[in-house]
Amino acid sequence: MLARHATTQDDVRTARRGLILYLGLVLLGSVPLLSLIIRASTPIGQQLEYVLALMWVPALASGIARVANGEGFEDLSFRLRERTVAVRVLLAILFPVVVGAIAYGTAWGLGLVEFSTPAGAPNPISAFAGELLLAATVGAVVGVISAAGEEIGWRGYMNSRLVEAGVPAPIITGGVLWGCWHVPLILTGQYAAGRSRALSAASFVVVAVSLTVLWSAWTLETGSIWPAILGHSAWNAVIQGPFDTFSSGALATTWVGESGVLVVVATLIVALVLVWDRVPGTLGVGQTPSD
């Protein structure tokens, strides 16, 4: 299972030690890599070697914390061959497609953002559909290479420790922490930054909390980390891929992109609709499934 109940004070203390150790290791491993990325002053897409290493810091930190804190790996499950897991994985992959269709479709339809076609594409609609299909399939699978690094740490370790440690609103807190981890690169304009970097950072944190609630609900429900991993990889592939690629205009980053107003609103609404009946349990109030 991916979440355990802290039944004794020893369990609570163990969870708190693990949480402190994990967050400390994430900070220790992230700062040097963030410094290298920021000093380069180029978009993160041009620094894939550093970005990939950064995305695997949470997984490495969680592994060290598990061993050092004597917790083991029994609560980290990669079960996939179960109907419930497969259904949630499919929903996780389709989620960014739905969010993108609502947010970017609205922006294009209202003329807030221009639907731009890459040079050489004879049919804009066909080109976009093909890119979207490729992103939601091949892109989502390839993206596991990087997304797994984050999800093994954030959803696979930190979230359950926040619950066990008795942290108020643990999943929301986890979403805020995860979102803030991205903030330095947003404030430097190298990732998901709009005209106002401070507003983009705040907006991105809202998106991060929404995604954390969604992926945590499915992770706790299935007992598998795969919905979070493939949900994360599909989000990156779909939103950062075809939807961003086919959008342009002076105010594009205000309305769309990972910190755009319409994306923030669509992500929050669709996520709540999908897990509304499971929100109490996702926030650490209800019971979680076990193997």
C-alpha atoms as a PDB file:
ATOM      1  CA  MET A   1       0.000   0.000   0.000  1.00  0.00           C
ATOM      2  CA  LEU A   2       1.063   3.622  -0.431  1.00  0.00           C
ATOM      3  CA  ALA A   3      -0.199   5.095   2.808  1.00  0.00           C
ATOM      4  CA  ARG A   4       0.016   3.678   6.316  1.00  0.00           C
ATOM      5  CA  HIS A   5      -1.707   4.711   9.491  1.00  0.00           C
ATOM      6  CA  ALA A   6       0.442   5.971  12.342  1.00  0.00           C
ATOM      7  CA  THR A   7      -1.093   4.024  15.215  1.00  0.00           C
ATOM      8  CA  THR A   8       1.431   4.819  17.936  1.00  0.00           C
ATOM      9  CA  GLN A   9       3.602   7.727  18.990  1.00  0.00           C
ATOM     10  CA  ASP A  10       6.589   5.771  17.689  1.00  0.00           C
ATOM     11  CA  ASP A  11       4.934   5.666  14.254  1.00  0.00           C
ATOM     12  CA  VAL A  12       4.367   9.402  14.374  1.00  0.00           C
ATOM     13  CA  ARG A  13       7.956  10.088  15.401  1.00  0.00           C
ATOM     14  CA  THR A  14       9.261   7.796  12.668  1.00  0.00           C
ATOM     15  CA  ALA A  15       7.152   9.588  10.066  1.00  0.00           C
ATOM     16  CA  ARG A  16       8.344  12.987  11.272  1.00  0.00           C
ATOM     17  CA  ARG A  17      11.992  11.914  11.206  1.00  0.00           C
ATOM     18  CA  GLY A  18      11.581  10.538   7.710  1.00  0.00           C
ATOM     19  CA  LEU A  19       9.815  13.671   6.556  1.00  0.00           C
ATOM     20  CA  ILE A  20      12.500  15.986   7.931  1.00  0.00           C
ATOM     21  CA  LEU A  21      15.239  13.817   6.471  1.00  0.00           C
ATOM     22  CA  TYR A  22      13.517  13.637   3.092  1.00  0.00           C
ATOM     23  CA  LEU A  23      12.914  17.373   2.807  1.00  0.00           C
ATOM     24  CA  GLY A  24      16.453  18.110   3.944  1.00  0.00           C
ATOM     25  CA  LEU A  25      17.897  15.778   1.323  1.00  0.00           C
ATOM     26  CA  VAL A  26      15.668  17.243  -1.398  1.00  0.00           C
ATOM     27  CA  LEU A  27      16.910  20.707  -0.491  1.00  0.00           C
ATOM     28  CA  LEU A  28      20.517  19.548  -0.338  1.00  0.00           C
ATOM     29  CA  GLY A  29      20.324  17.857  -3.721  1.00  0.00           C
ATOM     30  CA  SER A  30      18.222  20.502  -5.466  1.00  0.00           C
ATOM     31  CA  VAL A  31      20.109  23.673  -4.588  1.00  0.00           C
ATOM     32  CA  PRO A  32      23.308  22.869  -6.558  1.00  0.00           C
ATOM     33  CA  LEU A  33      21.336  21.782  -9.618  1.00  0.00           C
ATOM     34  CA  LEU A  34      19.026  24.789  -9.448  1.00  0.00           C
ATOM     35  CA  SER A  35      22.095  27.008  -9.202  1.00  0.00           C
ATOM     36  CA  LEU A  36      23.580  25.480 -12.341  1.00  0.00           C
ATOM     37  CA  ILE A  37      20.313  25.864 -14.243  1.00  0.00           C
ATOM     38  CA  ILE A  38      19.765  29.443 -13.108  1.00  0.00           C
ATOM     39  CA  ARG A  39      23.359  30.458 -13.860  1.00  0.00           C
ATOM     40  CA  ALA A  40      22.975  29.184 -17.421  1.00  0.00           C
ATOM     41  CA  SER A  41      20.097  31.682 -17.920  1.00  0.00           C
ATOM     42  CA  THR A  42      18.461  29.577 -20.632  1.00  0.00           C
ATOM     43  CA  PRO A  43      15.063  27.802 -20.687  1.00  0.00           C
ATOM     44  CA  ILE A  44      15.024  24.422 -18.959  1.00  0.00           C
ATOM     45  CA  GLY A  45      14.325  22.747 -22.286  1.00  0.00           C
ATOM     46  CA  GLN A  46      17.905  23.564 -23.228  1.00  0.00           C
ATOM     47  CA  GLN A  47      19.348  22.037 -20.061  1.00  0.00           C
ATOM     48  CA  LEU A  48      17.846  18.569 -20.080  1.00  0.00           C
ATOM     49  CA  GLU A  49      20.798  16.914 -18.356  1.00  0.00           C
ATOM     50  CA  TYR A  50      20.459  19.136 -15.290  1.00  0.00           C
ATOM     51  CA  VAL A  51      16.657  19.013 -15.330  1.00  0.00           C
ATOM     52  CA  LEU A  52      16.604  15.212 -15.477  1.00  0.00           C
ATOM     53  CA  ALA A  53      19.010  15.035 -12.554  1.00  0.00           C
ATOM     54  CA  LEU A  54      16.868  17.531 -10.625  1.00  0.00           C
ATOM     55  CA  MET A  55      13.707  15.511 -11.237  1.00  0.00           C
ATOM     56  CA  TRP A  56      15.367  12.414  -9.778  1.00  0.00           C
ATOM     57  CA  VAL A  57      16.452  14.168  -6.586  1.00  0.00           C
ATOM     58  CA  PRO A  58      13.103  13.407  -4.813  1.00  0.00           C
ATOM     59  CA  ALA A  59      13.336   9.683  -5.606  1.00  0.00           C
ATOM     60  CA  LEU A  60      16.934   9.460  -4.397  1.00  0.00           C
ATOM     61  CA  ALA A  61      16.087  11.482  -1.285  1.00  0.00           C
ATOM     62  CA  SER A  62      13.182   9.173  -0.466  1.00  0.00           C
ATOM     63  CA  GLY A  63      15.342   6.081  -0.932  1.00  0.00           C
ATOM     64  CA  ILE A  64      18.013   7.389   1.432  1.00  0.00           C
ATOM     65  CA  ALA A  65      15.353   8.452   3.952  1.00  0.00           C
ATOM     66  CA  ARG A  66      13.713   5.022   3.875  1.00  0.00           C
ATOM     67  CA  VAL A  67      16.995   3.232   4.542  1.00  0.00           C
ATOM     68  CA  ALA A  68      18.342   5.695   7.112  1.00  0.00           C
ATOM     69  CA  ASN A  69      15.039   5.800   8.972  1.00  0.00           C
ATOM     70  CA  GLY A  70      14.560   2.029   8.880  1.00  0.00           C
ATOM     71  CA  GLU A  71      11.256   2.280   6.984  1.00  0.00           C
ATOM     72  CA  GLY A  72      11.908  -0.025   4.071  1.00  0.00           C
ATOM     73  CA  PHE A  73      10.098  -0.019   0.750  1.00  0.00           C
ATOM     74  CA  GLU A  74       7.025  -2.158   1.463  1.00  0.00           C
ATOM     75  CA  ASP A  75       4.589   0.736   1.092  1.00  0.00           C
ATOM     76  CA  LEU A  76       5.872   1.654  -2.383  1.00  0.00           C
ATOM     77  CA  SER A  77       3.940  -0.357  -4.959  1.00  0.00           C
ATOM     78  CA  PHE A  78       4.342  -0.483  -8.729  1.00  0.00           C
ATOM     79  CA  ARG A  79       1.348  -2.750  -9.309  1.00  0.00           C
ATOM     80  CA  LEU A  80      -0.056  -2.236 -12.794  1.00  0.00           C
ATOM     81  CA  ARG A  81      -1.854  -5.423 -13.825  1.00  0.00           C
ATOM     82  CA  GLU A  82      -5.111  -4.654 -12.071  1.00  0.00           C
ATOM     83  CA  ARG A  83      -8.275  -3.227 -13.572  1.00  0.00           C
ATOM     84  CA  THR A  84      -8.567  -0.418 -11.015  1.00  0.00           C
ATOM     85  CA  VAL A  85      -4.982   0.677 -11.597  1.00  0.00           C
ATOM     86  CA  ALA A  86      -5.376   0.506 -15.379  1.00  0.00           C
ATOM     87  CA  VAL A  87      -8.557   2.603 -15.282  1.00  0.00           C
ATOM     88  CA  ARG A  88      -6.953   5.276 -13.091  1.00  0.00           C
ATOM     89  CA  VAL A  89      -3.858   5.324 -15.309  1.00  0.00           C
ATOM     90  CA  LEU A  90      -6.068   5.887 -18.355  1.00  0.00           C
ATOM     91  CA  LEU A  91      -7.907   8.703 -16.572  1.00  0.00           C
ATOM     92  CA  ALA A  92      -4.581  10.211 -15.508  1.00  0.00           C
ATOM     93  CA  ILE A  93      -3.379  10.251 -19.123  1.00  0.00           C
ATOM     94  CA  LEU A  94      -6.651  11.702 -20.430  1.00  0.00           C
ATOM     95  CA  PHE A  95      -6.802  14.372 -17.721  1.00  0.00           C
ATOM     96  CA  PRO A  96      -4.369  16.849 -19.368  1.00  0.00           C
ATOM     97  CA  VAL A  97      -6.117  16.306 -22.704  1.00  0.00           C
ATOM     98  CA  VAL A  98      -9.430  17.379 -21.144  1.00  0.00           C
ATOM     99  CA  VAL A  99      -7.860  20.308 -19.277  1.00  0.00           C
ATOM    100  CA  GLY A 100      -6.051  21.415 -22.439  1.00  0.00           C
ATOM    101  CA  ALA A 101      -9.189  21.139 -24.567  1.00  0.00           C
ATOM    102  CA  ILE A 102     -11.117  23.329 -22.113  1.00  0.00           C
ATOM    103  CA  ALA A 103      -8.420  25.904 -21.339  1.00  0.00           C
ATOM    104  CA  TYR A 104      -6.712  26.243 -24.718  1.00  0.00           C
ATOM    105  CA  GLY A 105      -9.948  25.704 -26.626  1.00  0.00           C
ATOM    106  CA  THR A 106     -11.489  28.616 -24.752  1.00  0.00           C
ATOM    107  CA  ALA A 107      -8.435  30.793 -25.346  1.00  0.00           C
ATOM    108  CA  TRP A 108      -8.378  29.998 -29.068  1.00  0.00           C
ATOM    109  CA  GLY A 109     -12.136  30.346 -29.451  1.00  0.00           C
ATOM    110  CA  LEU A 110     -12.289  33.742 -27.763  1.00  0.00           C
ATOM    111  CA  GLY A 111      -9.242  35.009 -29.615  1.00  0.00           C
ATOM    112  CA  LEU A 112      -7.260  35.458 -26.412  1.00  0.00           C
ATOM    113  CA  VAL A 113      -4.501  33.271 -27.845  1.00  0.00           C
ATOM    114  CA  GLU A 114      -3.663  32.561 -31.451  1.00  0.00           C
ATOM    115  CA  PHE A 115      -3.864  28.982 -32.730  1.00  0.00           C
ATOM    116  CA  SER A 116      -0.547  28.875 -34.565  1.00  0.00           C
ATOM    117  CA  THR A 117       0.618  26.109 -36.842  1.00  0.00           C
ATOM    118  CA  PRO A 118       4.279  25.089 -37.059  1.00  0.00           C
ATOM    119  CA  ALA A 119       5.885  25.891 -40.406  1.00  0.00           C
ATOM    120  CA  GLY A 120       5.282  23.270 -43.059  1.00  0.00           C
ATOM    121  CA  ALA A 121       2.070  21.820 -41.611  1.00  0.00           C
ATOM    122  CA  PRO A 122      -0.488  21.646 -44.484  1.00  0.00           C
ATOM    123  CA  ASN A 123      -3.548  21.056 -42.288  1.00  0.00           C
ATOM    124  CA  PRO A 124      -3.498  22.763 -38.872  1.00  0.00           C
ATOM    125  CA  ILE A 125      -6.213  20.614 -37.281  1.00  0.00           C
ATOM    126  CA  SER A 126      -4.718  17.343 -38.499  1.00  0.00           C
ATOM    127  CA  ALA A 127      -1.250  18.440 -37.423  1.00  0.00           C
ATOM    128  CA  PHE A 128      -2.484  19.300 -33.933  1.00  0.00           C
ATOM    129  CA  ALA A 129      -4.486  16.064 -33.596  1.00  0.00           C
ATOM    130  CA  GLY A 130      -1.476  14.022 -34.642  1.00  0.00           C
ATOM    131  CA  GLU A 131       0.824  15.795 -32.201  1.00  0.00           C
ATOM    132  CA  LEU A 132      -1.729  15.389 -29.397  1.00  0.00           C
ATOM    133  CA  LEU A 133      -2.123  11.670 -30.041  1.00  0.00           C
ATOM    134  CA  LEU A 134       1.647  11.215 -30.111  1.00  0.00           C
ATOM    135  CA  ALA A 135       2.079  13.165 -26.881  1.00  0.00           C
ATOM    136  CA  ALA A 136      -0.628  11.243 -25.019  1.00  0.00           C
ATOM    137  CA  THR A 137       0.848   7.883 -26.023  1.00  0.00           C
ATOM    138  CA  VAL A 138       4.539   7.821 -26.887  1.00  0.00           C
ATOM    139  CA  GLY A 139       5.215  11.086 -25.059  1.00  0.00           C
ATOM    140  CA  ALA A 140       3.550   9.870 -21.870  1.00  0.00           C
ATOM    141  CA  VAL A 141       5.530   6.622 -21.914  1.00  0.00           C
ATOM    142  CA  VAL A 142       8.877   8.280 -22.618  1.00  0.00           C
ATOM    143  CA  GLY A 143       8.132  10.912 -19.979  1.00  0.00           C
ATOM    144  CA  VAL A 144       8.108   8.209 -17.308  1.00  0.00           C
ATOM    145  CA  ILE A 145      11.905   8.401 -17.356  1.00  0.00           C
ATOM    146  CA  SER A 146      11.770  11.793 -15.686  1.00  0.00           C
ATOM    147  CA  ALA A 147       8.335  11.832 -14.007  1.00  0.00           C
ATOM    148  CA  ALA A 148       9.071   8.684 -12.007  1.00  0.00           C
ATOM    149  CA  GLY A 149      11.900  10.487 -10.269  1.00  0.00           C
ATOM    150  CA  GLU A 150       9.548  13.078  -8.848  1.00  0.00           C
ATOM    151  CA  GLU A 151       6.583  10.834  -8.117  1.00  0.00           C
ATOM    152  CA  ILE A 152       8.533   8.163  -6.237  1.00  0.00           C
ATOM    153  CA  GLY A 153       9.562  10.935  -3.872  1.00  0.00           C
ATOM    154  CA  TRP A 154       6.637  13.364  -3.681  1.00  0.00           C
ATOM    155  CA  ARG A 155       3.608  11.081  -3.937  1.00  0.00           C
ATOM    156  CA  GLY A 156       5.308   7.764  -3.176  1.00  0.00           C
ATOM    157  CA  TYR A 157       6.982   8.901   0.038  1.00  0.00           C
ATOM    158  CA  MET A 158       6.335  12.457   1.223  1.00  0.00           C
ATOM    159  CA  ASN A 159       2.538  12.474   1.039  1.00  0.00           C
ATOM    160  CA  SER A 160       2.032   9.416   3.223  1.00  0.00           C
ATOM    161  CA  ARG A 161       4.563  10.720   5.778  1.00  0.00           C
ATOM    162  CA  LEU A 162       2.713  14.015   5.958  1.00  0.00           C
ATOM    163  CA  VAL A 163      -0.428  12.057   6.818  1.00  0.00           C
ATOM    164  CA  GLU A 164       1.321   9.837   9.371  1.00  0.00           C
ATOM    165  CA  ALA A 165       3.116  12.773  10.973  1.00  0.00           C
ATOM    166  CA  GLY A 166      -0.191  14.482  11.681  1.00  0.00           C
ATOM    167  CA  VAL A 167       0.483  17.511   9.482  1.00  0.00           C
ATOM    168  CA  PRO A 168      -2.734  19.538   8.966  1.00  0.00           C
ATOM    169  CA  ALA A 169      -4.257  19.175   5.465  1.00  0.00           C
ATOM    170  CA  PRO A 170      -1.352  16.889   4.519  1.00  0.00           C
ATOM    171  CA  ILE A 171      -2.075  16.463   0.820  1.00  0.00           C
ATOM    172  CA  ILE A 172      -2.628  20.171   0.280  1.00  0.00           C
ATOM    173  CA  THR A 173       0.565  20.846   2.225  1.00  0.00           C
ATOM    174  CA  GLY A 174       2.362  18.352   0.008  1.00  0.00           C
ATOM    175  CA  GLY A 175       1.050  20.101  -3.094  1.00  0.00           C
ATOM    176  CA  VAL A 176       2.273  23.460  -1.820  1.00  0.00           C
ATOM    177  CA  LEU A 177       5.728  22.051  -1.075  1.00  0.00           C
ATOM    178  CA  TRP A 178       5.931  20.433  -4.500  1.00  0.00           C
ATOM    179  CA  GLY A 179       4.782  23.635  -6.188  1.00  0.00           C
ATOM    180  CA  CYS A 180       7.282  25.767  -4.261  1.00  0.00           C
ATOM    181  CA  TRP A 181      10.077  23.443  -5.411  1.00  0.00           C
ATOM    182  CA  HIS A 182       9.430  24.801  -8.938  1.00  0.00           C
ATOM    183  CA  VAL A 183       9.207  28.454  -7.919  1.00  0.00           C
ATOM    184  CA  PRO A 184      12.906  29.429  -8.265  1.00  0.00           C
ATOM    185  CA  LEU A 185      12.887  28.564 -11.972  1.00  0.00           C
ATOM    186  CA  ILE A 186       9.581  30.374 -12.490  1.00  0.00           C
ATOM    187  CA  LEU A 187      10.890  33.523 -10.827  1.00  0.00           C
ATOM    188  CA  THR A 188      13.956  33.460 -13.076  1.00  0.00           C
ATOM    189  CA  GLY A 189      11.710  33.114 -16.130  1.00  0.00           C
ATOM    190  CA  GLN A 190      13.137  29.766 -17.181  1.00  0.00           C
ATOM    191  CA  TYR A 191      10.016  27.697 -16.588  1.00  0.00           C
ATOM    192  CA  ALA A 192       6.238  28.334 -16.791  1.00  0.00           C
ATOM    193  CA  ALA A 193       6.673  32.092 -16.430  1.00  0.00           C
ATOM    194  CA  GLY A 194       4.242  34.685 -17.735  1.00  0.00           C
ATOM    195  CA  ARG A 195       4.409  38.468 -17.867  1.00  0.00           C
ATOM    196  CA  SER A 196       4.327  38.629 -14.062  1.00  0.00           C
ATOM    197  CA  ARG A 197       6.680  36.022 -12.667  1.00  0.00           C
ATOM    198  CA  ALA A 198       5.368  36.388  -9.123  1.00  0.00           C
ATOM    199  CA  LEU A 199       1.789  35.811 -10.307  1.00  0.00           C
ATOM    200  CA  SER A 200       2.945  32.869 -12.417  1.00  0.00           C
ATOM    201  CA  ALA A 201       4.605  31.309  -9.369  1.00  0.00           C
ATOM    202  CA  ALA A 202       1.460  31.681  -7.266  1.00  0.00           C
ATOM    203  CA  SER A 203      -0.715  30.325 -10.087  1.00  0.00           C
ATOM    204  CA  PHE A 204       1.573  27.353 -10.600  1.00  0.00           C
ATOM    205  CA  VAL A 205       1.303  26.428  -6.918  1.00  0.00           C
ATOM    206  CA  VAL A 206      -2.494  26.277  -7.316  1.00  0.00           C
ATOM    207  CA  VAL A 207      -2.038  23.921 -10.271  1.00  0.00           C
ATOM    208  CA  ALA A 208       0.442  21.845  -8.245  1.00  0.00           C
ATOM    209  CA  VAL A 209      -2.018  21.484  -5.356  1.00  0.00           C
ATOM    210  CA  SER A 210      -4.817  20.488  -7.758  1.00  0.00           C
ATOM    211  CA  LEU A 211      -2.649  17.845  -9.442  1.00  0.00           C
ATOM    212  CA  THR A 212      -1.432  16.572  -6.079  1.00  0.00           C
ATOM    213  CA  VAL A 213      -4.992  16.084  -4.811  1.00  0.00           C
ATOM    214  CA  LEU A 214      -5.923  14.241  -8.008  1.00  0.00           C
ATOM    215  CA  TRP A 215      -2.868  12.004  -8.256  1.00  0.00           C
ATOM    216  CA  SER A 216      -2.848  11.324  -4.509  1.00  0.00           C
ATOM    217  CA  ALA A 217      -6.495  10.255  -4.599  1.00  0.00           C
ATOM    218  CA  TRP A 218      -5.781   7.726  -7.334  1.00  0.00           C
ATOM    219  CA  THR A 219      -2.533   6.595  -5.731  1.00  0.00           C
ATOM    220  CA  LEU A 220      -4.195   5.964  -2.372  1.00  0.00           C
ATOM    221  CA  GLU A 221      -7.227   4.391  -4.020  1.00  0.00           C
ATOM    222  CA  THR A 222      -5.260   1.887  -6.098  1.00  0.00           C
ATOM    223  CA  GLY A 223      -2.264   1.341  -3.834  1.00  0.00           C
ATOM    224  CA  SER A 224      -0.044   1.917  -6.884  1.00  0.00           C
ATOM    225  CA  ILE A 225       2.233   4.788  -7.805  1.00  0.00           C
ATOM    226  CA  TRP A 226       1.572   4.370 -11.549  1.00  0.00           C
ATOM    227  CA  PRO A 227      -1.416   6.761 -11.821  1.00  0.00           C
ATOM    228  CA  ALA A 228       0.774   9.530 -10.403  1.00  0.00           C
ATOM    229  CA  ILE A 229       3.786   8.694 -12.571  1.00  0.00           C
ATOM    230  CA  LEU A 230       1.878   8.414 -15.844  1.00  0.00           C
ATOM    231  CA  GLY A 231      -0.367  11.324 -14.917  1.00  0.00           C
ATOM    232  CA  HIS A 232       2.722  13.483 -14.412  1.00  0.00           C
ATOM    233  CA  SER A 233       4.436  12.325 -17.584  1.00  0.00           C
ATOM    234  CA  ALA A 234       1.259  12.793 -19.654  1.00  0.00           C
ATOM    235  CA  TRP A 235       0.721  16.276 -18.214  1.00  0.00           C
ATOM    236  CA  ASN A 236       4.228  17.329 -19.222  1.00  0.00           C
ATOM    237  CA  ALA A 237       3.973  15.749 -22.660  1.00  0.00           C
ATOM    238  CA  VAL A 238       0.497  17.063 -23.511  1.00  0.00           C
ATOM    239  CA  ILE A 239       0.404  20.548 -21.973  1.00  0.00           C
ATOM    240  CA  GLN A 240       4.034  21.482 -22.611  1.00  0.00           C
ATOM    241  CA  GLY A 241       3.862  19.721 -25.987  1.00  0.00           C
ATOM    242  CA  PRO A 242       1.093  20.265 -28.550  1.00  0.00           C
ATOM    243  CA  PHE A 243      -1.074  22.684 -26.574  1.00  0.00           C
ATOM    244  CA  ASP A 244       1.803  25.093 -25.894  1.00  0.00           C
ATOM    245  CA  THR A 245       3.391  24.530 -29.298  1.00  0.00           C
ATOM    246  CA  PHE A 246       0.223  25.504 -31.165  1.00  0.00           C
ATOM    247  CA  SER A 247      -0.367  28.635 -29.054  1.00  0.00           C
ATOM    248  CA  SER A 248       1.117  32.075 -29.602  1.00  0.00           C
ATOM    249  CA  GLY A 249       0.400  35.733 -29.010  1.00  0.00           C
ATOM    250  CA  ALA A 250       1.481  38.565 -26.742  1.00  0.00           C
ATOM    251  CA  LEU A 251      -0.810  37.401 -23.920  1.00  0.00           C
ATOM    252  CA  ALA A 252      -0.451  33.652 -24.471  1.00  0.00           C
ATOM    253  CA  THR A 253       1.401  33.032 -21.205  1.00  0.00           C
ATOM    254  CA  THR A 254      -1.223  35.014 -19.314  1.00  0.00           C
ATOM    255  CA  TRP A 255      -4.092  32.755 -20.368  1.00  0.00           C
ATOM    256  CA  VAL A 256      -2.473  29.393 -21.083  1.00  0.00           C
ATOM    257  CA  GLY A 257       0.654  27.459 -20.180  1.00  0.00           C
ATOM    258  CA  GLU A 258       1.127  25.766 -16.832  1.00  0.00           C
ATOM    259  CA  SER A 259       0.628  29.025 -14.954  1.00  0.00           C
ATOM    260  CA  GLY A 260      -1.966  30.555 -17.297  1.00  0.00           C
ATOM    261  CA  VAL A 261      -5.280  31.683 -15.827  1.00  0.00           C
ATOM    262  CA  LEU A 262      -7.447  29.363 -17.920  1.00  0.00           C
ATOM    263  CA  VAL A 263      -5.227  26.356 -17.253  1.00  0.00           C
ATOM    264  CA  VAL A 264      -5.280  27.041 -13.504  1.00  0.00           C
ATOM    265  CA  VAL A 265      -9.082  27.267 -13.452  1.00  0.00           C
ATOM    266  CA  ALA A 266      -9.627  24.235 -15.703  1.00  0.00           C
ATOM    267  CA  THR A 267      -7.168  22.091 -13.739  1.00  0.00           C
ATOM    268  CA  LEU A 268      -8.782  22.942 -10.419  1.00  0.00           C
ATOM    269  CA  ILE A 269     -12.344  22.353 -11.624  1.00  0.00           C
ATOM    270  CA  VAL A 270     -11.716  19.110 -13.527  1.00  0.00           C
ATOM    271  CA  ALA A 271      -9.603  17.674 -10.691  1.00  0.00           C
ATOM    272  CA  LEU A 272     -12.309  18.407  -8.125  1.00  0.00           C
ATOM    273  CA  VAL A 273     -15.020  16.934 -10.347  1.00  0.00           C
ATOM    274  CA  LEU A 274     -13.036  13.708 -10.738  1.00  0.00           C
ATOM    275  CA  VAL A 275     -12.277  13.159  -7.036  1.00  0.00           C
ATOM    276  CA  TRP A 276     -14.923  15.193  -5.226  1.00  0.00           C
ATOM    277  CA  ASP A 277     -16.373  12.158  -3.425  1.00  0.00           C
ATOM    278  CA  ARG A 278     -12.890  11.098  -2.316  1.00  0.00           C
ATOM    279  CA  VAL A 279     -11.539  14.466  -1.190  1.00  0.00           C
ATOM    280  CA  PRO A 280     -11.854  13.787   2.595  1.00  0.00           C
ATOM    281  CA  GLY A 281      -9.828  10.575   2.320  1.00  0.00           C
ATOM    282  CA  THR A 282      -7.345  12.179  -0.021  1.00  0.00           C
ATOM    283  CA  LEU A 283      -6.702  14.948   2.469  1.00  0.00           C
ATOM    284  CA  GLY A 284      -5.794  12.349   5.075  1.00  0.00           C
ATOM    285  CA  VAL A 285      -9.151  12.215   6.881  1.00  0.00           C
ATOM    286  CA  GLY A 286     -10.551   8.936   5.596  1.00  0.00           C
ATOM    287  CA  GLN A 287      -9.264   5.391   5.421  1.00  0.00           C
ATOM    288  CA  THR A 288      -6.838   4.333   2.714  1.00  0.00           C
ATOM    289  CA  PRO A 289      -6.776   0.983   0.970  1.00  0.00           C
ATOM    290  CA  SER A 290      -4.263  -1.694   1.754  1.00  0.00           C
ATOM    291  CA  ASP A 291      -2.836  -4.609  -0.147  1.00  0.00           C
END
